[in-house]
Each structure stands twice: as structure tokens, then as C-alpha cells.
Amino acid sequence: MKKATKADIEIIKQAFVEKYSDAVTELSYRNDYELLIAIILSAQCTDKRVNIITPALFLKYPSVRELAVAELEDVKELLKTCSFFNNKAKNIIKMAQSVLSDYDGEIPHDQKKLMKLAGVGNKTANVFMIEFEGANLMAVDTHVFRVSHRLGLSDGKTVDITEADLVKKLKGHDLHIFHQAMVLFGRYICKAVKPECDNCLFPQVCKTKKSFKPA
């Protein structure tokens, strides 16, 4: 696959900023506690499904204090329609317990501290910081990974390499915008199956359009 040129990158950056500069996550939340849990649950699960699950979860466990003492089976029952609900139930309880014991019940707004919590990896921590703090970070989910490769922004085989490529090529103070832009662009236009190429923001720089099979 051909790599994006400097000119291509400028076209991509400009189009994303123009269309998605005000975009925010589609996960529903009211505070940092709800946001962190929603992000944890969203791993390999749609935001739409997470938004269906979380109201009942947050009603029963409105803060880390209630969740920290929750019965595992009760949490599993509330998460049963979410992918990998067994592990996610264990992780959010452990996360709540750690926040109580290590951070006085306050969700840490620090990437490294977040990553010490159960169920929180680099991507989850970055997404949290991007959404809640507007941090100048890049987070790579399945949509970002796909879009970045189709546009020639990265040929990295792993999420970490792809993130490093994107940070280097999209450098500036808009990384949080580019993250959200690629999430939404990948979710609704540059889809994994039957991408809507007619609605593409930059067909002139796409490196893979010719390889797509007709719908």
C-alpha cells in the first residue's frame, strides 16, 4: 500500500478538522466515573449497546463506593448482553475498589494512574483523557486502525505502532480531534464492510479504494 504524502496528510487533516472539530464520543455519561466505565465496556462492543446497558448499571451503582462492594453475579447480570461481560464485570469492580483505596474515591485524571486500574489499558486511558480533558492524545480503536491504514497514514501491524505513526504524522494540537474524526468516519463512512466511498471526504488521497469490491 502506498503511504500518504505530506500533501495528502494536509488534505486529510483539513477535512477532518472542518467536519469533526466539535465531535464528541457517542457514549452516554454524566461524570468521569460513568465515562470510564462506559469506555471499559465499549471494548469490542458497540457504543449503542453500551448505552443500552449502562443506565441500569449506574442506577444501581451510582459511584465507585457502591460498585466496590457489589456482588459479582449481580454486575454480570446487568452486563450480560455486553461482549466479554464476565471479565468486564470483574474489572469494573476491581477498578472501583482501587479508586477507593488508592485515590480516595476520585477517578484519576492521569494517563499513567488510569492504566494501573483493572480493565484500563493505553487506549482506554487515552480515550478518557481525550474526552474528559481534551488531551492532545491519540487512541487507536478498530475504526482508527482501519481508517489510518486505508488512507496510508500507517502500515503498522499493531495498535501501538499505528498510534506512534499517527502521532508523528498528525502532529500538532489537534490529535484529539483526529481521534474522534477517524472513529466517526470509520463507523459511518469508511466502514469495514461496504464502505461508502461516494461519501468519502478525500477520495483523491485514499490508497485502497481501487481494491474494494463493488457492493
N, C-alpha and C. Protein backbone atom coordinates (compact mmCIF):
# COMPACT_ATOMS: atom_id res chain seq x y z
N MET A 1 0.84 -1.20 0.00
CA MET A 1 0.00 0.00 0.00
C MET A 1 0.87 1.25 0.00
N LYS A 2 0.51 2.23 -0.81
CA LYS A 2 1.25 3.48 -0.86
C LYS A 2 1.03 4.29 0.42
N LYS A 3 2.08 4.97 0.84
CA LYS A 3 1.97 5.81 2.03
C LYS A 3 1.47 7.21 1.65
N ALA A 4 0.77 7.83 2.56
CA ALA A 4 0.27 9.18 2.33
C ALA A 4 1.45 10.15 2.23
N THR A 5 1.39 11.03 1.25
CA THR A 5 2.42 12.05 1.12
C THR A 5 2.13 13.19 2.09
N LYS A 6 3.06 14.11 2.21
CA LYS A 6 2.85 15.28 3.07
C LYS A 6 1.63 16.07 2.60
N ALA A 7 1.47 16.17 1.28
CA ALA A 7 0.32 16.89 0.73
C ALA A 7 -0.98 16.15 1.07
N ASP A 8 -0.95 14.82 0.97
CA ASP A 8 -2.11 14.00 1.32
C ASP A 8 -2.50 14.23 2.78
N ILE A 9 -1.50 14.24 3.64
CA ILE A 9 -1.75 14.38 5.07
C ILE A 9 -2.40 15.73 5.38
N GLU A 10 -1.97 16.77 4.71
CA GLU A 10 -2.56 18.09 4.92
C GLU A 10 -4.02 18.11 4.48
N ILE A 11 -4.33 17.43 3.37
CA ILE A 11 -5.72 17.33 2.90
C ILE A 11 -6.57 16.59 3.92
N ILE A 12 -6.04 15.48 4.43
CA ILE A 12 -6.74 14.66 5.42
C ILE A 12 -7.00 15.47 6.69
N LYS A 13 -5.98 16.14 7.19
CA LYS A 13 -6.10 16.92 8.42
C LYS A 13 -7.14 18.03 8.27
N GLN A 14 -7.08 18.73 7.16
CA GLN A 14 -8.01 19.83 6.95
C GLN A 14 -9.45 19.35 6.87
N ALA A 15 -9.67 18.26 6.15
CA ALA A 15 -11.03 17.73 6.00
C ALA A 15 -11.59 17.25 7.33
N PHE A 16 -10.75 16.57 8.12
CA PHE A 16 -11.21 16.07 9.42
C PHE A 16 -11.54 17.22 10.36
N VAL A 17 -10.70 18.24 10.39
CA VAL A 17 -10.94 19.38 11.28
C VAL A 17 -12.22 20.12 10.88
N GLU A 18 -12.41 20.29 9.59
CA GLU A 18 -13.60 21.02 9.12
C GLU A 18 -14.89 20.29 9.47
N LYS A 19 -14.88 18.97 9.38
CA LYS A 19 -16.12 18.21 9.59
C LYS A 19 -16.33 17.77 11.03
N TYR A 20 -15.24 17.50 11.74
CA TYR A 20 -15.38 16.85 13.05
C TYR A 20 -14.79 17.64 14.22
N SER A 21 -14.52 18.91 14.06
CA SER A 21 -13.85 19.64 15.14
C SER A 21 -14.65 19.69 16.43
N ASP A 22 -15.97 19.58 16.34
CA ASP A 22 -16.82 19.63 17.54
C ASP A 22 -17.34 18.26 17.96
N ALA A 23 -16.83 17.21 17.35
CA ALA A 23 -17.33 15.86 17.63
C ALA A 23 -16.91 15.39 19.01
N VAL A 24 -17.79 14.63 19.65
CA VAL A 24 -17.50 14.03 20.95
C VAL A 24 -17.92 12.57 20.91
N THR A 25 -17.57 11.84 21.94
CA THR A 25 -17.92 10.43 21.98
C THR A 25 -19.43 10.22 21.92
N GLU A 26 -19.84 9.09 21.39
CA GLU A 26 -21.26 8.74 21.35
C GLU A 26 -21.68 7.95 22.58
N LEU A 27 -20.75 7.71 23.47
CA LEU A 27 -21.08 7.06 24.74
C LEU A 27 -21.82 8.05 25.64
N SER A 28 -22.85 7.58 26.32
CA SER A 28 -23.63 8.44 27.22
C SER A 28 -23.01 8.41 28.62
N TYR A 29 -22.78 9.57 29.20
CA TYR A 29 -22.24 9.63 30.56
C TYR A 29 -22.54 11.00 31.16
N ARG A 30 -22.50 11.06 32.50
CA ARG A 30 -22.75 12.31 33.21
C ARG A 30 -21.56 12.79 34.02
N ASN A 31 -20.60 11.92 34.24
CA ASN A 31 -19.43 12.28 35.04
C ASN A 31 -18.26 11.36 34.68
N ASP A 32 -17.11 11.59 35.30
CA ASP A 32 -15.92 10.82 34.94
C ASP A 32 -16.03 9.34 35.30
N TYR A 33 -16.73 9.03 36.38
CA TYR A 33 -16.97 7.64 36.77
C TYR A 33 -17.74 6.90 35.69
N GLU A 34 -18.82 7.50 35.22
CA GLU A 34 -19.64 6.87 34.19
C GLU A 34 -18.89 6.77 32.86
N LEU A 35 -18.11 7.79 32.54
CA LEU A 35 -17.35 7.76 31.30
C LEU A 35 -16.34 6.63 31.31
N LEU A 36 -15.59 6.49 32.39
CA LEU A 36 -14.56 5.45 32.45
C LEU A 36 -15.18 4.06 32.31
N ILE A 37 -16.27 3.82 32.99
CA ILE A 37 -16.92 2.51 32.88
C ILE A 37 -17.44 2.29 31.46
N ALA A 38 -18.04 3.30 30.88
CA ALA A 38 -18.57 3.16 29.52
C ALA A 38 -17.46 2.83 28.54
N ILE A 39 -16.30 3.44 28.70
CA ILE A 39 -15.18 3.16 27.80
C ILE A 39 -14.69 1.73 28.00
N ILE A 40 -14.60 1.29 29.25
CA ILE A 40 -14.18 -0.08 29.53
C ILE A 40 -15.14 -1.07 28.87
N LEU A 41 -16.43 -0.81 29.00
CA LEU A 41 -17.44 -1.72 28.44
C LEU A 41 -17.45 -1.69 26.91
N SER A 42 -16.99 -0.59 26.32
CA SER A 42 -17.08 -0.44 24.87
C SER A 42 -16.04 -1.24 24.10
N ALA A 43 -15.08 -1.83 24.81
CA ALA A 43 -14.07 -2.64 24.13
C ALA A 43 -14.74 -3.81 23.42
N GLN A 44 -14.59 -3.88 22.10
CA GLN A 44 -15.18 -4.94 21.28
C GLN A 44 -16.70 -5.03 21.47
N CYS A 45 -17.30 -3.88 21.73
CA CYS A 45 -18.75 -3.78 21.88
C CYS A 45 -19.17 -2.41 21.33
N THR A 46 -20.32 -2.32 20.73
CA THR A 46 -20.74 -1.05 20.14
C THR A 46 -21.13 -0.03 21.21
N ASP A 47 -20.95 1.24 20.89
CA ASP A 47 -21.38 2.30 21.81
C ASP A 47 -22.89 2.21 22.03
N LYS A 48 -23.61 1.86 20.98
CA LYS A 48 -25.07 1.75 21.08
C LYS A 48 -25.46 0.72 22.13
N ARG A 49 -24.81 -0.42 22.13
CA ARG A 49 -25.10 -1.47 23.11
C ARG A 49 -24.72 -1.01 24.51
N VAL A 50 -23.58 -0.36 24.65
CA VAL A 50 -23.14 0.13 25.96
C VAL A 50 -24.15 1.11 26.52
N ASN A 51 -24.67 1.99 25.68
CA ASN A 51 -25.65 2.99 26.13
C ASN A 51 -26.96 2.36 26.56
N ILE A 52 -27.25 1.18 26.07
CA ILE A 52 -28.45 0.45 26.49
C ILE A 52 -28.24 -0.18 27.87
N ILE A 53 -27.02 -0.63 28.11
CA ILE A 53 -26.69 -1.35 29.34
C ILE A 53 -26.48 -0.43 30.54
N THR A 54 -25.80 0.69 30.33
CA THR A 54 -25.32 1.48 31.47
C THR A 54 -26.37 2.18 32.34
N PRO A 55 -27.53 2.59 31.82
CA PRO A 55 -28.48 3.25 32.73
C PRO A 55 -28.84 2.43 33.96
N ALA A 56 -29.12 1.15 33.77
CA ALA A 56 -29.46 0.29 34.91
C ALA A 56 -28.26 0.07 35.81
N LEU A 57 -27.08 -0.04 35.20
CA LEU A 57 -25.86 -0.23 35.98
C LEU A 57 -25.58 0.97 36.86
N PHE A 58 -25.70 2.17 36.29
CA PHE A 58 -25.40 3.39 37.06
C PHE A 58 -26.51 3.70 38.07
N LEU A 59 -27.71 3.24 37.80
CA LEU A 59 -28.79 3.43 38.77
C LEU A 59 -28.52 2.62 40.03
N LYS A 60 -28.05 1.38 39.83
CA LYS A 60 -27.78 0.50 40.98
C LYS A 60 -26.46 0.84 41.65
N TYR A 61 -25.48 1.28 40.85
CA TYR A 61 -24.15 1.59 41.38
C TYR A 61 -23.75 2.99 40.92
N PRO A 62 -24.25 4.02 41.57
CA PRO A 62 -24.05 5.41 41.12
C PRO A 62 -22.63 5.95 41.32
N SER A 63 -21.79 5.25 42.06
CA SER A 63 -20.41 5.72 42.25
C SER A 63 -19.52 4.52 42.55
N VAL A 64 -18.23 4.78 42.67
CA VAL A 64 -17.29 3.69 42.96
C VAL A 64 -17.57 3.07 44.33
N ARG A 65 -18.16 3.83 45.23
CA ARG A 65 -18.41 3.30 46.57
C ARG A 65 -19.41 2.15 46.54
N GLU A 66 -20.44 2.28 45.76
CA GLU A 66 -21.42 1.19 45.64
C GLU A 66 -20.87 0.03 44.80
N LEU A 67 -20.16 0.39 43.74
CA LEU A 67 -19.65 -0.65 42.85
C LEU A 67 -18.55 -1.48 43.51
N ALA A 68 -17.78 -0.87 44.36
CA ALA A 68 -16.67 -1.56 45.02
C ALA A 68 -17.14 -2.71 45.89
N VAL A 69 -18.36 -2.64 46.39
CA VAL A 69 -18.88 -3.70 47.27
C VAL A 69 -19.97 -4.52 46.57
N ALA A 70 -20.06 -4.39 45.26
CA ALA A 70 -21.10 -5.11 44.51
C ALA A 70 -20.81 -6.59 44.45
N GLU A 71 -21.88 -7.37 44.35
CA GLU A 71 -21.75 -8.81 44.14
C GLU A 71 -21.45 -9.05 42.66
N LEU A 72 -20.44 -9.86 42.40
CA LEU A 72 -20.02 -10.10 41.02
C LEU A 72 -21.16 -10.60 40.15
N GLU A 73 -21.95 -11.52 40.66
CA GLU A 73 -23.04 -12.09 39.86
C GLU A 73 -24.10 -11.04 39.51
N ASP A 74 -24.31 -10.10 40.41
CA ASP A 74 -25.27 -9.03 40.15
C ASP A 74 -24.79 -8.13 39.01
N VAL A 75 -23.50 -7.83 39.03
CA VAL A 75 -22.94 -6.99 37.96
C VAL A 75 -22.94 -7.74 36.63
N LYS A 76 -22.61 -9.02 36.68
CA LYS A 76 -22.63 -9.84 35.46
C LYS A 76 -24.02 -9.84 34.83
N GLU A 77 -25.03 -9.92 35.66
CA GLU A 77 -26.41 -9.94 35.16
C GLU A 77 -26.74 -8.66 34.40
N LEU A 78 -26.24 -7.54 34.90
CA LEU A 78 -26.50 -6.26 34.24
C LEU A 78 -25.71 -6.10 32.95
N LEU A 79 -24.59 -6.82 32.86
CA LEU A 79 -23.71 -6.69 31.69
C LEU A 79 -23.84 -7.84 30.71
N LYS A 80 -24.77 -8.73 30.91
CA LYS A 80 -24.80 -10.00 30.17
C LYS A 80 -24.97 -9.86 28.66
N THR A 81 -25.47 -8.72 28.19
CA THR A 81 -25.60 -8.54 26.73
C THR A 81 -24.38 -7.82 26.14
N CYS A 82 -23.38 -7.60 26.97
CA CYS A 82 -22.15 -6.94 26.53
C CYS A 82 -21.09 -8.01 26.24
N SER A 83 -20.30 -7.81 25.23
CA SER A 83 -19.24 -8.77 24.92
C SER A 83 -18.26 -8.88 26.09
N PHE A 84 -17.81 -10.11 26.35
CA PHE A 84 -16.85 -10.38 27.41
C PHE A 84 -17.32 -9.85 28.77
N PHE A 85 -18.62 -10.01 29.03
CA PHE A 85 -19.19 -9.42 30.24
C PHE A 85 -18.62 -9.99 31.53
N ASN A 86 -18.18 -11.24 31.50
CA ASN A 86 -17.61 -11.84 32.72
C ASN A 86 -16.36 -11.08 33.17
N ASN A 87 -15.43 -10.90 32.25
CA ASN A 87 -14.19 -10.19 32.58
C ASN A 87 -14.45 -8.72 32.88
N LYS A 88 -15.35 -8.11 32.12
CA LYS A 88 -15.64 -6.69 32.33
C LYS A 88 -16.29 -6.46 33.69
N ALA A 89 -17.14 -7.37 34.12
CA ALA A 89 -17.77 -7.24 35.45
C ALA A 89 -16.70 -7.30 36.54
N LYS A 90 -15.78 -8.25 36.41
CA LYS A 90 -14.69 -8.36 37.39
C LYS A 90 -13.83 -7.10 37.39
N ASN A 91 -13.53 -6.62 36.20
CA ASN A 91 -12.63 -5.47 36.08
C ASN A 91 -13.22 -4.19 36.64
N ILE A 92 -14.50 -3.93 36.37
CA ILE A 92 -15.04 -2.65 36.87
C ILE A 92 -15.20 -2.67 38.38
N ILE A 93 -15.44 -3.84 38.97
CA ILE A 93 -15.48 -3.93 40.44
C ILE A 93 -14.08 -3.68 41.01
N LYS A 94 -13.07 -4.34 40.42
CA LYS A 94 -11.69 -4.14 40.87
C LYS A 94 -11.26 -2.68 40.67
N MET A 95 -11.68 -2.11 39.55
CA MET A 95 -11.35 -0.71 39.29
C MET A 95 -11.91 0.17 40.39
N ALA A 96 -13.18 -0.04 40.74
CA ALA A 96 -13.82 0.76 41.78
C ALA A 96 -13.11 0.60 43.13
N GLN A 97 -12.71 -0.61 43.43
CA GLN A 97 -12.01 -0.88 44.70
C GLN A 97 -10.66 -0.15 44.74
N SER A 98 -9.95 -0.15 43.61
CA SER A 98 -8.66 0.53 43.54
C SER A 98 -8.82 2.04 43.66
N VAL A 99 -9.84 2.58 43.01
CA VAL A 99 -10.08 4.03 43.07
C VAL A 99 -10.37 4.44 44.51
N LEU A 100 -11.10 3.61 45.21
CA LEU A 100 -11.41 3.89 46.62
C LEU A 100 -10.16 3.83 47.49
N SER A 101 -9.38 2.77 47.33
CA SER A 101 -8.23 2.56 48.21
C SER A 101 -7.02 3.43 47.86
N ASP A 102 -6.84 3.70 46.56
CA ASP A 102 -5.62 4.39 46.13
C ASP A 102 -5.82 5.87 45.80
N TYR A 103 -7.07 6.26 45.48
CA TYR A 103 -7.30 7.63 45.03
C TYR A 103 -8.46 8.30 45.77
N ASP A 104 -8.74 7.84 46.98
CA ASP A 104 -9.77 8.45 47.83
C ASP A 104 -11.13 8.55 47.14
N GLY A 105 -11.42 7.59 46.28
CA GLY A 105 -12.73 7.55 45.63
C GLY A 105 -12.87 8.46 44.44
N GLU A 106 -11.77 9.12 44.02
CA GLU A 106 -11.82 10.03 42.88
C GLU A 106 -11.13 9.39 41.67
N ILE A 107 -11.81 9.36 40.54
CA ILE A 107 -11.21 8.83 39.33
C ILE A 107 -9.98 9.67 38.96
N PRO A 108 -8.80 9.06 38.84
CA PRO A 108 -7.61 9.86 38.49
C PRO A 108 -7.69 10.37 37.05
N HIS A 109 -7.29 11.60 36.86
CA HIS A 109 -7.27 12.19 35.52
C HIS A 109 -5.81 12.27 35.07
N ASP A 110 -5.18 11.12 35.05
CA ASP A 110 -3.78 11.00 34.69
C ASP A 110 -3.60 9.68 33.95
N GLN A 111 -2.99 9.74 32.79
CA GLN A 111 -2.89 8.56 31.94
C GLN A 111 -2.23 7.38 32.64
N LYS A 112 -1.10 7.62 33.27
CA LYS A 112 -0.37 6.52 33.90
C LYS A 112 -1.12 5.95 35.09
N LYS A 113 -1.76 6.81 35.87
CA LYS A 113 -2.54 6.33 37.02
C LYS A 113 -3.77 5.55 36.54
N LEU A 114 -4.40 6.00 35.48
CA LEU A 114 -5.55 5.29 34.93
C LEU A 114 -5.16 3.89 34.49
N MET A 115 -3.99 3.76 33.89
CA MET A 115 -3.56 2.46 33.37
C MET A 115 -3.22 1.45 34.46
N LYS A 116 -3.15 1.90 35.69
CA LYS A 116 -2.94 0.99 36.81
C LYS A 116 -4.24 0.33 37.27
N LEU A 117 -5.36 0.85 36.75
CA LEU A 117 -6.67 0.33 37.14
C LEU A 117 -7.04 -0.89 36.31
N ALA A 118 -7.77 -1.81 36.90
CA ALA A 118 -8.22 -3.01 36.21
C ALA A 118 -9.08 -2.64 35.01
N GLY A 119 -8.80 -3.28 33.89
CA GLY A 119 -9.61 -3.06 32.70
C GLY A 119 -9.24 -1.82 31.90
N VAL A 120 -8.21 -1.10 32.36
CA VAL A 120 -7.81 0.14 31.68
C VAL A 120 -6.43 -0.01 31.07
N GLY A 121 -6.39 -0.08 29.74
CA GLY A 121 -5.14 -0.12 29.02
C GLY A 121 -4.84 1.24 28.44
N ASN A 122 -3.85 1.28 27.57
CA ASN A 122 -3.43 2.55 26.96
C ASN A 122 -4.57 3.21 26.19
N LYS A 123 -5.29 2.43 25.39
CA LYS A 123 -6.36 3.01 24.57
C LYS A 123 -7.46 3.59 25.45
N THR A 124 -7.89 2.83 26.46
CA THR A 124 -8.96 3.30 27.34
C THR A 124 -8.54 4.56 28.08
N ALA A 125 -7.32 4.58 28.58
CA ALA A 125 -6.83 5.76 29.30
C ALA A 125 -6.79 6.97 28.37
N ASN A 126 -6.31 6.76 27.15
CA ASN A 126 -6.23 7.87 26.20
C ASN A 126 -7.60 8.39 25.81
N VAL A 127 -8.54 7.48 25.57
CA VAL A 127 -9.89 7.90 25.21
C VAL A 127 -10.51 8.72 26.35
N PHE A 128 -10.31 8.27 27.58
CA PHE A 128 -10.82 9.00 28.74
C PHE A 128 -10.24 10.41 28.78
N MET A 129 -8.93 10.52 28.63
CA MET A 129 -8.27 11.82 28.71
C MET A 129 -8.67 12.72 27.54
N ILE A 130 -8.86 12.13 26.36
CA ILE A 130 -9.30 12.91 25.20
C ILE A 130 -10.68 13.47 25.44
N GLU A 131 -11.59 12.62 25.90
CA GLU A 131 -12.99 13.03 26.04
C GLU A 131 -13.20 13.96 27.22
N PHE A 132 -12.62 13.65 28.36
CA PHE A 132 -12.91 14.42 29.57
C PHE A 132 -12.02 15.64 29.74
N GLU A 133 -10.78 15.53 29.24
CA GLU A 133 -9.83 16.62 29.44
C GLU A 133 -9.45 17.34 28.16
N GLY A 134 -9.91 16.81 27.01
CA GLY A 134 -9.49 17.40 25.74
C GLY A 134 -8.00 17.24 25.52
N ALA A 135 -7.43 16.18 26.07
CA ALA A 135 -5.98 15.97 26.00
C ALA A 135 -5.51 15.75 24.56
N ASN A 136 -4.32 16.22 24.27
CA ASN A 136 -3.75 16.11 22.93
C ASN A 136 -3.11 14.73 22.78
N LEU A 137 -3.97 13.72 22.69
CA LEU A 137 -3.53 12.34 22.60
C LEU A 137 -4.22 11.64 21.44
N MET A 138 -3.67 10.51 21.04
CA MET A 138 -4.29 9.68 20.01
C MET A 138 -4.62 8.32 20.63
N ALA A 139 -5.80 7.82 20.34
CA ALA A 139 -6.20 6.49 20.78
C ALA A 139 -6.62 5.70 19.55
N VAL A 140 -6.17 4.47 19.46
CA VAL A 140 -6.43 3.65 18.27
C VAL A 140 -7.37 2.51 18.59
N ASP A 141 -8.61 2.63 18.09
CA ASP A 141 -9.55 1.51 18.19
C ASP A 141 -9.64 0.88 16.80
N THR A 142 -10.59 -0.03 16.62
CA THR A 142 -10.70 -0.74 15.34
C THR A 142 -10.98 0.20 14.18
N HIS A 143 -11.78 1.26 14.42
CA HIS A 143 -12.09 2.22 13.36
C HIS A 143 -10.87 3.05 12.99
N VAL A 144 -10.17 3.55 13.99
CA VAL A 144 -8.98 4.37 13.75
C VAL A 144 -7.91 3.54 13.04
N PHE A 145 -7.76 2.30 13.46
CA PHE A 145 -6.77 1.40 12.85
C PHE A 145 -7.08 1.21 11.36
N ARG A 146 -8.34 0.93 11.07
CA ARG A 146 -8.75 0.68 9.68
C ARG A 146 -8.59 1.93 8.81
N VAL A 147 -9.09 3.06 9.28
CA VAL A 147 -9.02 4.29 8.50
C VAL A 147 -7.58 4.72 8.26
N SER A 148 -6.76 4.65 9.29
CA SER A 148 -5.37 5.09 9.15
C SER A 148 -4.62 4.25 8.13
N HIS A 149 -4.94 2.97 8.06
CA HIS A 149 -4.28 2.10 7.09
C HIS A 149 -4.83 2.33 5.67
N ARG A 150 -6.13 2.52 5.56
CA ARG A 150 -6.71 2.75 4.24
C ARG A 150 -6.23 4.06 3.62
N LEU A 151 -5.94 5.03 4.47
CA LEU A 151 -5.50 6.33 3.97
C LEU A 151 -3.98 6.43 3.82
N GLY A 152 -3.29 5.37 4.17
CA GLY A 152 -1.84 5.36 4.03
C GLY A 152 -1.12 6.12 5.12
N LEU A 153 -1.79 6.36 6.24
CA LEU A 153 -1.17 7.07 7.36
C LEU A 153 -0.30 6.15 8.20
N SER A 154 -0.55 4.86 8.10
CA SER A 154 0.24 3.88 8.84
C SER A 154 0.15 2.53 8.16
N ASP A 155 1.23 1.78 8.26
CA ASP A 155 1.20 0.38 7.84
C ASP A 155 1.59 -0.51 9.01
N GLY A 156 1.49 0.05 10.20
CA GLY A 156 1.85 -0.69 11.41
C GLY A 156 0.95 -1.90 11.63
N LYS A 157 1.55 -2.97 12.10
CA LYS A 157 0.81 -4.21 12.31
C LYS A 157 0.14 -4.26 13.68
N THR A 158 0.52 -3.35 14.56
CA THR A 158 -0.05 -3.33 15.91
C THR A 158 -0.67 -1.98 16.20
N VAL A 159 -1.50 -1.95 17.23
CA VAL A 159 -2.13 -0.71 17.67
C VAL A 159 -1.08 0.30 18.13
N ASP A 160 -0.08 -0.17 18.86
CA ASP A 160 0.94 0.73 19.39
C ASP A 160 1.74 1.40 18.28
N ILE A 161 2.12 0.61 17.26
CA ILE A 161 2.88 1.17 16.14
C ILE A 161 2.02 2.16 15.36
N THR A 162 0.75 1.79 15.17
CA THR A 162 -0.18 2.68 14.46
C THR A 162 -0.35 3.99 15.21
N GLU A 163 -0.49 3.92 16.52
CA GLU A 163 -0.62 5.13 17.32
C GLU A 163 0.60 6.02 17.16
N ALA A 164 1.78 5.43 17.21
CA ALA A 164 3.02 6.20 17.07
C ALA A 164 3.09 6.86 15.69
N ASP A 165 2.68 6.13 14.65
CA ASP A 165 2.68 6.69 13.30
C ASP A 165 1.74 7.89 13.20
N LEU A 166 0.55 7.76 13.79
CA LEU A 166 -0.44 8.83 13.71
C LEU A 166 0.02 10.06 14.49
N VAL A 167 0.61 9.85 15.65
CA VAL A 167 1.10 10.98 16.46
C VAL A 167 2.17 11.73 15.68
N LYS A 168 3.03 10.99 14.98
CA LYS A 168 4.11 11.61 14.20
C LYS A 168 3.57 12.37 12.98
N LYS A 169 2.64 11.75 12.26
CA LYS A 169 2.18 12.34 11.01
C LYS A 169 1.09 13.40 11.19
N LEU A 170 0.32 13.29 12.27
CA LEU A 170 -0.74 14.26 12.51
C LEU A 170 -0.37 15.23 13.63
N LYS A 171 0.92 15.36 13.86
CA LYS A 171 1.43 16.15 14.99
C LYS A 171 0.82 17.55 15.03
N GLY A 172 0.64 18.00 16.24
CA GLY A 172 0.02 19.31 16.46
C GLY A 172 -0.84 19.25 17.70
N HIS A 173 -1.75 20.21 17.80
CA HIS A 173 -2.61 20.29 18.99
C HIS A 173 -4.01 19.73 18.73
N ASP A 174 -4.17 19.02 17.62
CA ASP A 174 -5.49 18.55 17.23
C ASP A 174 -5.63 17.03 17.27
N LEU A 175 -4.73 16.33 17.95
CA LEU A 175 -4.78 14.87 17.94
C LEU A 175 -6.12 14.35 18.44
N HIS A 176 -6.67 15.01 19.46
CA HIS A 176 -7.96 14.56 20.00
C HIS A 176 -9.06 14.67 18.96
N ILE A 177 -8.98 15.70 18.11
CA ILE A 177 -9.97 15.85 17.03
C ILE A 177 -9.79 14.74 16.01
N PHE A 178 -8.56 14.44 15.65
CA PHE A 178 -8.31 13.40 14.65
C PHE A 178 -8.74 12.02 15.16
N HIS A 179 -8.56 11.79 16.44
CA HIS A 179 -9.04 10.51 17.01
C HIS A 179 -10.53 10.37 16.82
N GLN A 180 -11.27 11.37 17.28
CA GLN A 180 -12.73 11.29 17.19
C GLN A 180 -13.19 11.30 15.74
N ALA A 181 -12.50 12.05 14.90
CA ALA A 181 -12.85 12.11 13.48
C ALA A 181 -12.73 10.74 12.84
N MET A 182 -11.63 10.05 13.11
CA MET A 182 -11.43 8.73 12.50
C MET A 182 -12.39 7.69 13.05
N VAL A 183 -12.75 7.83 14.32
CA VAL A 183 -13.75 6.92 14.90
C VAL A 183 -15.08 7.06 14.15
N LEU A 184 -15.56 8.29 14.02
CA LEU A 184 -16.86 8.52 13.38
C LEU A 184 -16.81 8.28 11.88
N PHE A 185 -15.73 8.69 11.24
CA PHE A 185 -15.56 8.45 9.81
C PHE A 185 -15.54 6.95 9.51
N GLY A 186 -14.84 6.20 10.36
CA GLY A 186 -14.77 4.76 10.18
C GLY A 186 -16.06 4.05 10.51
N ARG A 187 -16.79 4.58 11.47
CA ARG A 187 -18.04 3.96 11.90
C ARG A 187 -19.15 4.13 10.87
N TYR A 188 -19.20 5.30 10.24
CA TYR A 188 -20.35 5.60 9.38
C TYR A 188 -20.05 5.72 7.88
N ILE A 189 -18.81 5.94 7.52
CA ILE A 189 -18.48 6.10 6.10
C ILE A 189 -17.45 5.06 5.63
N CYS A 190 -16.28 5.10 6.21
CA CYS A 190 -15.22 4.16 5.81
C CYS A 190 -15.36 2.86 6.60
N LYS A 191 -16.50 2.22 6.42
CA LYS A 191 -16.86 1.03 7.19
C LYS A 191 -16.04 -0.19 6.77
N ALA A 192 -15.96 -1.16 7.66
CA ALA A 192 -15.18 -2.37 7.36
C ALA A 192 -15.77 -3.10 6.16
N VAL A 193 -17.10 -3.19 6.14
CA VAL A 193 -17.79 -3.86 5.04
C VAL A 193 -18.61 -2.82 4.27
N LYS A 194 -18.49 -2.83 2.98
CA LYS A 194 -19.22 -1.90 2.11
C LYS A 194 -19.02 -0.43 2.50
N PRO A 195 -17.78 0.02 2.46
CA PRO A 195 -17.52 1.44 2.77
C PRO A 195 -18.26 2.34 1.78
N GLU A 196 -18.73 3.47 2.28
CA GLU A 196 -19.49 4.40 1.45
C GLU A 196 -18.53 5.38 0.76
N CYS A 197 -17.86 4.88 -0.25
CA CYS A 197 -16.83 5.67 -0.92
C CYS A 197 -17.39 6.93 -1.58
N ASP A 198 -18.66 6.88 -1.97
CA ASP A 198 -19.27 8.06 -2.59
C ASP A 198 -19.37 9.22 -1.61
N ASN A 199 -19.33 8.93 -0.32
CA ASN A 199 -19.42 9.97 0.70
C ASN A 199 -18.06 10.28 1.34
N CYS A 200 -17.01 9.76 0.76
CA CYS A 200 -15.67 9.95 1.31
C CYS A 200 -15.28 11.43 1.29
N LEU A 201 -14.56 11.85 2.31
CA LEU A 201 -14.13 13.24 2.41
C LEU A 201 -12.94 13.54 1.50
N PHE A 202 -12.20 12.52 1.15
CA PHE A 202 -10.98 12.73 0.36
C PHE A 202 -10.69 11.54 -0.54
N PRO A 203 -11.56 11.24 -1.50
CA PRO A 203 -11.33 10.11 -2.40
C PRO A 203 -10.03 10.24 -3.18
N GLN A 204 -9.56 11.50 -3.35
CA GLN A 204 -8.35 11.73 -4.13
C GLN A 204 -7.09 11.25 -3.43
N VAL A 205 -7.16 11.01 -2.12
CA VAL A 205 -5.96 10.56 -1.40
C VAL A 205 -6.10 9.14 -0.84
N CYS A 206 -7.27 8.53 -0.97
CA CYS A 206 -7.46 7.17 -0.46
C CYS A 206 -6.54 6.21 -1.20
N LYS A 207 -5.89 5.34 -0.46
CA LYS A 207 -4.93 4.41 -1.05
C LYS A 207 -5.51 3.03 -1.34
N THR A 208 -6.75 2.81 -0.97
CA THR A 208 -7.29 1.45 -1.08
C THR A 208 -8.61 1.36 -1.82
N LYS A 209 -9.16 2.47 -2.29
CA LYS A 209 -10.47 2.46 -2.94
C LYS A 209 -10.53 1.47 -4.11
N LYS A 210 -9.47 1.39 -4.89
CA LYS A 210 -9.46 0.51 -6.05
C LYS A 210 -9.55 -0.97 -5.66
N SER A 211 -9.19 -1.28 -4.44
CA SER A 211 -9.19 -2.68 -4.01
C SER A 211 -10.54 -3.12 -3.43
N PHE A 212 -11.45 -2.16 -3.20
CA PHE A 212 -12.74 -2.50 -2.64
C PHE A 212 -13.62 -3.16 -3.69
N LYS A 213 -14.32 -4.21 -3.28
CA LYS A 213 -15.24 -4.87 -4.19
C LYS A 213 -16.56 -4.10 -4.25
N PRO A 214 -17.19 -4.03 -5.40
CA PRO A 214 -18.48 -3.34 -5.51
C PRO A 214 -19.50 -3.92 -4.55
N ALA A 215 -20.35 -3.06 -3.98
CA ALA A 215 -21.36 -3.52 -3.01
C ALA A 215 -22.40 -4.38 -3.73
